């Protein structure tokens, strides 16, 4: 997912992000979504609140 003002800018931004990777890809579709903002995830530790890893 990329943020851009136009479809061409979105394609260019995606291609720039994929540059240098070893993954083969093909852009099938560029479409506008209703998603306005994306925030990074905050990962929790592998233990639960009691400190037990098994739940």
C-alpha atoms as a PDB file:
ATOM      1  CA  UNK A   1       0.000   0.000   0.000  1.00  0.00           C
ATOM      2  CA  UNK A   2       1.345   3.416  -0.935  1.00  0.00           C
ATOM      3  CA  UNK A   3       0.096   6.967  -0.535  1.00  0.00           C
ATOM      4  CA  UNK A   4      -0.059   9.105  -3.670  1.00  0.00           C
ATOM      5  CA  UNK A   5      -1.991  11.871  -5.387  1.00  0.00           C
ATOM      6  CA  UNK A   6      -2.434   9.982  -8.664  1.00  0.00           C
ATOM      7  CA  UNK A   7      -2.349   6.464 -10.030  1.00  0.00           C
ATOM      8  CA  UNK A   8       0.936   7.151 -11.809  1.00  0.00           C
ATOM      9  CA  UNK A   9       2.487   8.489  -8.583  1.00  0.00           C
ATOM     10  CA  UNK A  10       1.260   5.392  -6.728  1.00  0.00           C
ATOM     11  CA  UNK A  11       2.809   3.092  -9.332  1.00  0.00           C
ATOM     12  CA  UNK A  12       6.078   5.038  -9.253  1.00  0.00           C
ATOM     13  CA  UNK A  13       6.174   4.989  -5.444  1.00  0.00           C
ATOM     14  CA  UNK A  14       5.525   1.243  -5.317  1.00  0.00           C
ATOM     15  CA  UNK A  15       8.200   0.538  -7.932  1.00  0.00           C
ATOM     16  CA  UNK A  16      10.679   2.701  -6.005  1.00  0.00           C
ATOM     17  CA  UNK A  17       9.924   0.751  -2.812  1.00  0.00           C
ATOM     18  CA  UNK A  18      10.422  -2.586  -4.556  1.00  0.00           C
ATOM     19  CA  UNK A  19      13.649  -1.515  -6.265  1.00  0.00           C
ATOM     20  CA  UNK A  20      16.572  -3.663  -5.126  1.00  0.00           C
ATOM     21  CA  UNK A  21      14.418  -6.536  -3.856  1.00  0.00           C
ATOM     22  CA  UNK A  22      14.762 -10.034  -5.234  1.00  0.00           C
ATOM     23  CA  UNK A  23      11.000 -10.560  -5.442  1.00  0.00           C
ATOM     24  CA  UNK A  24       9.356 -10.763  -8.831  1.00  0.00           C
ATOM     25  CA  UNK A  25       6.084  -8.855  -8.958  1.00  0.00           C
ATOM     26  CA  UNK A  26       3.438  -7.659 -11.342  1.00  0.00           C
ATOM     27  CA  UNK A  27       1.086  -4.783 -10.561  1.00  0.00           C
ATOM     28  CA  UNK A  28      -2.362  -6.111 -11.349  1.00  0.00           C
ATOM     29  CA  UNK A  29      -4.422  -3.150 -10.213  1.00  0.00           C
ATOM     30  CA  UNK A  30      -4.044   0.344  -8.760  1.00  0.00           C
ATOM     31  CA  UNK A  31      -7.152   1.476  -6.894  1.00  0.00           C
ATOM     32  CA  UNK A  32      -8.169   4.107  -4.380  1.00  0.00           C
ATOM     33  CA  UNK A  33      -9.178   2.842  -0.944  1.00  0.00           C
ATOM     34  CA  UNK A  34     -11.211   4.338   1.893  1.00  0.00           C
ATOM     35  CA  UNK A  35      -8.219   3.949   4.220  1.00  0.00           C
ATOM     36  CA  UNK A  36      -7.040   7.412   5.247  1.00  0.00           C
ATOM     37  CA  UNK A  37      -4.154   6.734   7.655  1.00  0.00           C
ATOM     38  CA  UNK A  38      -1.941   3.771   8.453  1.00  0.00           C
ATOM     39  CA  UNK A  39      -0.152   3.540  11.784  1.00  0.00           C
ATOM     40  CA  UNK A  40       2.725   1.206  12.692  1.00  0.00           C
ATOM     41  CA  UNK A  41       1.756  -1.772  14.832  1.00  0.00           C
ATOM     42  CA  UNK A  42       2.926  -2.029  18.413  1.00  0.00           C
ATOM     43  CA  UNK A  43       3.974  -5.613  19.050  1.00  0.00           C
ATOM     44  CA  UNK A  44       3.411  -7.132  22.466  1.00  0.00           C
ATOM     45  CA  UNK A  45       5.813  -9.548  24.086  1.00  0.00           C
ATOM     46  CA  UNK A  46       5.197 -13.270  23.661  1.00  0.00           C
ATOM     47  CA  UNK A  47       3.945 -13.570  27.273  1.00  0.00           C
ATOM     48  CA  UNK A  48       0.458 -12.640  28.433  1.00  0.00           C
ATOM     49  CA  UNK A  49      -0.313 -10.229  31.289  1.00  0.00           C
ATOM     50  CA  UNK A  50       0.349 -12.904  33.943  1.00  0.00           C
ATOM     51  CA  UNK A  51       3.778 -13.581  32.519  1.00  0.00           C
ATOM     52  CA  UNK A  52       2.963 -17.104  31.330  1.00  0.00           C
ATOM     53  CA  UNK A  53       3.943 -17.868  27.780  1.00  0.00           C
ATOM     54  CA  UNK A  54       1.234 -20.547  27.444  1.00  0.00           C
ATOM     55  CA  UNK A  55      -1.767 -18.328  28.185  1.00  0.00           C
END
